[in-house]
């Protein structure tokens, strides 16, 4: 039997003979995906780097704790939403993104690899991931869960950073992604380009900005098909990126790793 090092968790690095030994054991397989879009003047456009790295950290911890876990090659292009105006950005239509997911799932399930977990790093992916995993459930009965990393991080940040700081720093172009980048890939963050927090609340259609793709009318949320440059030309949301730090990033990364590895253990037993 060909042995494989437990520290080798990237599927793309596993050799053919190692794969023939490993995959009949039906390990947990993490499917990281993100986006390639504007993340602010200071951060790399590829937030998929962070989803891929977090998946690797989760797999290493889960494997070390007894649940063999590996990471599929990252899907770097997310489903397009608000960031089409950004030069150099690449996004997929909902139909194409769905087709890619369907075929990824199908190729793995063909070989009875059934312990699949989506590690998602892009909000625009959420609905299509839900549709694709629901289709698998209806066809096969298999439940493929998804961990949307940044939604989990937003919920954890008040406990990790304190409620006041978490509120001040949470948004697109700030945390959790900027602090995670400072911790995991400090060489990729242009600290000299970190912008001032934006002043005032931008408007569109004569209404105040409430969130990506939404405005406020008398306190009610109005969904609108506007892109991000109408309200935030530099990709910055309402948070202050000057409050981001590698120290915060480590706290967030450690907590996401803990939650992710714990879920791998739980799911492997189902």
Protein backbone atom coordinates (compact mmCIF):
# COMPACT_ATOMS: atom_id res chain seq x y z
CA UNK A 1 0.00 0.00 0.00
CA UNK A 2 1.36 3.42 -0.97
CA UNK A 3 1.49 5.68 2.07
CA UNK A 4 0.77 9.39 1.92
CA UNK A 5 1.96 12.00 4.38
CA UNK A 6 -0.86 13.36 6.57
CA UNK A 7 0.54 16.83 5.95
CA UNK A 8 -0.15 16.50 2.23
CA UNK A 9 -3.71 17.80 1.97
CA UNK A 10 -3.87 19.49 -1.43
CA UNK A 11 -5.47 17.11 -3.92
CA UNK A 12 -3.39 18.56 -6.74
CA UNK A 13 -0.19 17.47 -4.97
CA UNK A 14 -1.31 13.89 -4.35
CA UNK A 15 0.21 11.40 -6.79
CA UNK A 16 -1.71 8.78 -8.71
CA UNK A 17 -0.62 5.87 -6.53
CA UNK A 18 -1.24 7.89 -3.37
CA UNK A 19 -4.72 8.72 -4.67
CA UNK A 20 -5.52 5.04 -5.32
CA UNK A 21 -4.71 4.33 -1.68
CA UNK A 22 -6.37 7.38 -0.16
CA UNK A 23 -9.66 7.88 -1.97
CA UNK A 24 -11.18 4.43 -1.33
CA UNK A 25 -11.15 5.55 2.33
CA UNK A 26 -13.64 8.32 1.39
CA UNK A 27 -11.86 11.23 3.10
CA UNK A 28 -13.57 14.55 3.70
CA UNK A 29 -12.99 16.76 0.65
CA UNK A 30 -13.13 20.53 0.99
CA UNK A 31 -14.09 22.52 -2.11
CA UNK A 32 -12.77 26.09 -1.72
CA UNK A 33 -14.13 28.87 -3.92
CA UNK A 34 -14.07 32.64 -3.90
CA UNK A 35 -14.02 35.53 -6.34
CA UNK A 36 -11.71 37.74 -8.40
CA UNK A 37 -12.98 41.28 -7.84
CA UNK A 38 -12.19 44.64 -6.26
CA UNK A 39 -11.40 44.19 -2.56
CA UNK A 40 -10.31 47.79 -1.95
CA UNK A 41 -7.22 49.79 -3.02
CA UNK A 42 -4.92 47.88 -0.69
CA UNK A 43 -5.95 44.22 -1.05
CA UNK A 44 -5.40 41.68 -3.83
CA UNK A 45 -8.41 41.13 -6.05
CA UNK A 46 -8.28 37.38 -5.55
CA UNK A 47 -10.11 36.72 -2.29
CA UNK A 48 -10.05 33.08 -3.36
CA UNK A 49 -6.48 32.99 -1.95
CA UNK A 50 -7.98 33.32 1.51
CA UNK A 51 -10.67 30.67 0.98
CA UNK A 52 -8.03 28.27 -0.34
CA UNK A 53 -5.64 28.92 2.56
CA UNK A 54 -8.39 28.59 5.17
CA UNK A 55 -9.44 25.27 3.61
CA UNK A 56 -5.83 24.08 3.84
CA UNK A 57 -5.56 25.08 7.51
CA UNK A 58 -8.86 23.36 8.28
CA UNK A 59 -7.75 20.19 6.46
CA UNK A 60 -4.40 20.08 8.27
CA UNK A 61 -6.03 20.46 11.67
CA UNK A 62 -8.82 17.98 10.98
CA UNK A 63 -6.33 15.43 9.67
CA UNK A 64 -4.01 15.90 12.66
CA UNK A 65 -7.00 15.34 14.95
CA UNK A 66 -7.99 12.10 13.24
CA UNK A 67 -10.34 12.97 10.36
CA UNK A 68 -8.52 12.61 7.04
CA UNK A 69 -9.36 15.71 5.04
CA UNK A 70 -8.08 17.02 1.72
CA UNK A 71 -8.59 20.19 -0.32
CA UNK A 72 -9.68 20.30 -3.96
CA UNK A 73 -8.14 22.87 -6.32
CA UNK A 74 -9.68 26.26 -5.64
CA UNK A 75 -12.38 27.66 -7.94
CA UNK A 76 -11.16 31.26 -8.30
CA UNK A 77 -14.06 32.76 -10.25
CA UNK A 78 -17.29 33.42 -8.40
CA UNK A 79 -20.79 34.09 -9.62
CA UNK A 80 -20.98 37.70 -10.83
CA UNK A 81 -22.89 40.24 -8.79
CA UNK A 82 -21.94 43.87 -8.18
CA UNK A 83 -18.31 44.14 -9.26
CA UNK A 84 -18.47 43.96 -13.04
CA UNK A 85 -17.16 47.53 -13.50
CA UNK A 86 -13.75 46.59 -12.04
CA UNK A 87 -11.06 46.28 -14.75
CA UNK A 88 -9.37 42.90 -14.57
CA UNK A 89 -12.19 41.28 -12.63
CA UNK A 90 -13.43 37.90 -13.83
CA UNK A 91 -16.79 36.47 -12.81
CA UNK A 92 -19.07 33.72 -14.09
CA UNK A 93 -22.72 33.89 -14.97
CA UNK A 94 -25.09 32.05 -12.65
CA UNK A 95 -25.64 29.38 -15.32
CA UNK A 96 -21.92 28.80 -15.88
CA UNK A 97 -21.12 28.78 -12.17
CA UNK A 98 -23.91 26.28 -11.58
CA UNK A 99 -22.65 24.07 -14.41
CA UNK A 100 -19.14 24.06 -12.94
CA UNK A 101 -20.49 23.07 -9.52
CA UNK A 102 -22.65 20.33 -11.02
CA UNK A 103 -19.68 18.83 -12.84
CA UNK A 104 -17.32 19.14 -9.86
CA UNK A 105 -19.82 17.31 -7.65
CA UNK A 106 -20.53 14.77 -10.37
CA UNK A 107 -16.89 13.86 -10.95
CA UNK A 108 -16.27 13.26 -7.25
CA UNK A 109 -19.52 11.39 -6.62
CA UNK A 110 -18.79 9.14 -9.61
CA UNK A 111 -15.99 7.61 -7.54
CA UNK A 112 -18.08 7.36 -4.37
CA UNK A 113 -16.36 10.34 -2.74
CA UNK A 114 -19.35 11.48 -0.73
CA UNK A 115 -17.94 13.56 2.12
CA UNK A 116 -17.90 16.92 0.32
CA UNK A 117 -17.95 20.33 2.04
CA UNK A 118 -18.02 23.65 0.16
CA UNK A 119 -15.69 26.26 1.67
CA UNK A 120 -17.13 29.46 0.23
CA UNK A 121 -15.43 32.85 0.25
CA UNK A 122 -17.84 34.92 -1.86
CA UNK A 123 -21.35 36.11 -1.01
CA UNK A 124 -22.44 36.03 -4.63
CA UNK A 125 -21.91 32.26 -4.67
CA UNK A 126 -24.31 31.47 -1.86
CA UNK A 127 -27.61 31.09 -3.72
CA UNK A 128 -26.17 29.06 -6.59
CA UNK A 129 -24.29 26.78 -4.17
CA UNK A 130 -27.58 26.21 -2.37
CA UNK A 131 -29.32 25.35 -5.64
CA UNK A 132 -26.57 22.98 -6.76
CA UNK A 133 -26.35 21.13 -3.45
CA UNK A 134 -30.14 20.89 -3.26
CA UNK A 135 -30.16 19.29 -6.72
CA UNK A 136 -27.66 16.67 -5.51
CA UNK A 137 -29.84 15.99 -2.47
CA UNK A 138 -32.96 15.52 -4.59
CA UNK A 139 -31.15 13.20 -7.00
CA UNK A 140 -29.06 11.11 -4.58
CA UNK A 141 -30.17 11.89 -1.03
CA UNK A 142 -26.65 13.14 -0.24
CA UNK A 143 -26.37 16.37 1.74
CA UNK A 144 -23.38 18.56 0.78
CA UNK A 145 -22.97 21.32 3.38
CA UNK A 146 -21.37 24.71 2.75
CA UNK A 147 -19.44 26.93 5.12
CA UNK A 148 -19.59 30.57 4.02
CA UNK A 149 -16.42 31.73 5.73
CA UNK A 150 -17.10 35.45 5.91
CA UNK A 151 -20.63 35.07 7.25
CA UNK A 152 -19.20 32.89 10.01
CA UNK A 153 -16.42 35.42 10.62
CA UNK A 154 -18.83 38.36 10.90
CA UNK A 155 -20.75 36.46 13.58
CA UNK A 156 -17.56 35.60 15.50
CA UNK A 157 -15.82 38.98 15.28
CA UNK A 158 -17.73 40.70 18.13
CA UNK A 159 -16.57 37.90 20.44
CA UNK A 160 -13.00 37.98 19.13
CA UNK A 161 -12.44 41.73 18.73
CA UNK A 162 -15.10 43.27 20.95
CA UNK A 163 -18.47 44.49 19.75
CA UNK A 164 -17.45 48.12 19.21
CA UNK A 165 -14.35 47.38 17.14
CA UNK A 166 -16.08 44.65 15.16
CA UNK A 167 -18.84 47.04 14.16
CA UNK A 168 -16.36 49.73 13.14
CA UNK A 169 -14.20 47.45 11.01
CA UNK A 170 -16.69 45.05 9.43
CA UNK A 171 -17.33 45.54 5.71
CA UNK A 172 -16.15 44.89 2.20
CA UNK A 173 -12.61 46.24 1.85
CA UNK A 174 -11.99 45.98 5.59
CA UNK A 175 -12.58 43.00 7.90
CA UNK A 176 -12.55 40.09 8.01
CA UNK A 177 -10.64 39.86 4.72
CA UNK A 178 -8.03 42.58 5.23
CA UNK A 179 -6.94 41.37 8.65
CA UNK A 180 -6.86 37.77 7.40
CA UNK A 181 -4.68 38.93 4.51
CA UNK A 182 -2.35 40.77 6.90
CA UNK A 183 -1.96 37.57 8.91
CA UNK A 184 -1.82 34.94 6.16
CA UNK A 185 -0.30 36.88 3.24
CA UNK A 186 1.27 40.09 4.62
CA UNK A 187 3.37 40.52 1.48
CA UNK A 188 0.18 40.85 -0.59
CA UNK A 189 -1.39 43.70 1.36
CA UNK A 190 -0.43 47.23 0.29
CA UNK A 191 -0.56 48.92 3.67
CA UNK A 192 0.54 52.17 2.00
CA UNK A 193 -2.71 52.14 0.01
CA UNK A 194 -5.12 51.54 2.90
CA UNK A 195 -7.75 54.26 2.42
CA UNK A 196 -9.47 56.54 4.86
CA UNK A 197 -12.96 55.33 5.77
CA UNK A 198 -15.46 56.89 3.46
CA UNK A 199 -17.29 59.91 4.80
CA UNK A 200 -21.05 60.27 4.66
CA UNK A 201 -23.50 57.87 3.15
CA UNK A 202 -23.55 57.69 -0.68
CA UNK A 203 -26.81 57.79 -2.55
CA UNK A 204 -28.35 56.43 -5.72
CA UNK A 205 -31.78 57.26 -7.15
CA UNK A 206 -31.86 59.96 -4.47
CA UNK A 207 -31.85 57.30 -1.72
CA UNK A 208 -29.15 56.40 0.81
CA UNK A 209 -26.96 53.34 0.32
CA UNK A 210 -27.85 50.44 2.62
CA UNK A 211 -25.76 47.58 1.25
CA UNK A 212 -24.48 46.15 -2.02
CA UNK A 213 -27.48 46.19 -4.35
CA UNK A 214 -29.82 47.86 -1.88
CA UNK A 215 -30.98 51.34 -0.89
CA UNK A 216 -33.09 52.62 1.97
CA UNK A 217 -36.51 54.22 1.52
CA UNK A 218 -38.10 55.44 4.75
CA UNK A 219 -36.25 52.69 6.59
CA UNK A 220 -37.33 49.95 4.16
CA UNK A 221 -34.76 48.08 2.10
CA UNK A 222 -35.16 48.49 -1.66
CA UNK A 223 -33.27 46.04 -3.87
CA UNK A 224 -31.80 47.69 -6.96
CA UNK A 225 -29.67 46.37 -9.85
CA UNK A 226 -26.86 48.90 -9.41
CA UNK A 227 -23.20 47.98 -9.40
CA UNK A 228 -20.69 48.92 -6.77
CA UNK A 229 -19.11 51.87 -8.53
CA UNK A 230 -22.37 53.81 -8.15
CA UNK A 231 -21.87 53.94 -4.38
CA UNK A 232 -18.24 52.98 -3.73
CA UNK A 233 -15.75 53.54 -6.56
CA UNK A 234 -12.83 52.24 -4.44
CA UNK A 235 -14.56 49.05 -3.29
CA UNK A 236 -14.76 50.11 0.33
CA UNK A 237 -17.88 49.46 2.37
CA UNK A 238 -18.75 51.17 5.63
CA UNK A 239 -15.91 49.77 7.76
CA UNK A 240 -12.60 51.45 8.61
CA UNK A 241 -9.71 49.43 7.13
CA UNK A 242 -7.20 51.36 9.26
CA UNK A 243 -8.39 49.27 12.21
CA UNK A 244 -7.41 46.00 10.52
CA UNK A 245 -4.35 44.13 11.81
CA UNK A 246 -2.44 40.87 11.58
CA UNK A 247 -3.32 40.26 15.23
CA UNK A 248 -7.03 40.43 14.42
CA UNK A 249 -6.42 38.22 11.41
CA UNK A 250 -4.82 35.52 13.52
CA UNK A 251 -7.77 35.50 15.92
CA UNK A 252 -10.19 35.18 13.01
CA UNK A 253 -8.13 32.53 11.21
CA UNK A 254 -7.72 30.44 14.35
CA UNK A 255 -11.44 30.54 15.07
CA UNK A 256 -12.43 29.68 11.49
CA UNK A 257 -9.95 26.79 11.55
CA UNK A 258 -11.37 25.54 14.83
CA UNK A 259 -14.95 25.68 13.57
CA UNK A 260 -14.07 24.17 10.19
CA UNK A 261 -12.07 21.26 11.62
CA UNK A 262 -14.75 20.58 14.18
CA UNK A 263 -17.34 20.43 11.44
CA UNK A 264 -15.17 18.01 9.43
CA UNK A 265 -15.11 15.67 12.44
CA UNK A 266 -18.87 15.92 12.85
CA UNK A 267 -19.69 15.46 9.16
CA UNK A 268 -17.33 12.50 8.71
CA UNK A 269 -19.37 10.56 11.28
CA UNK A 270 -22.74 11.14 9.58
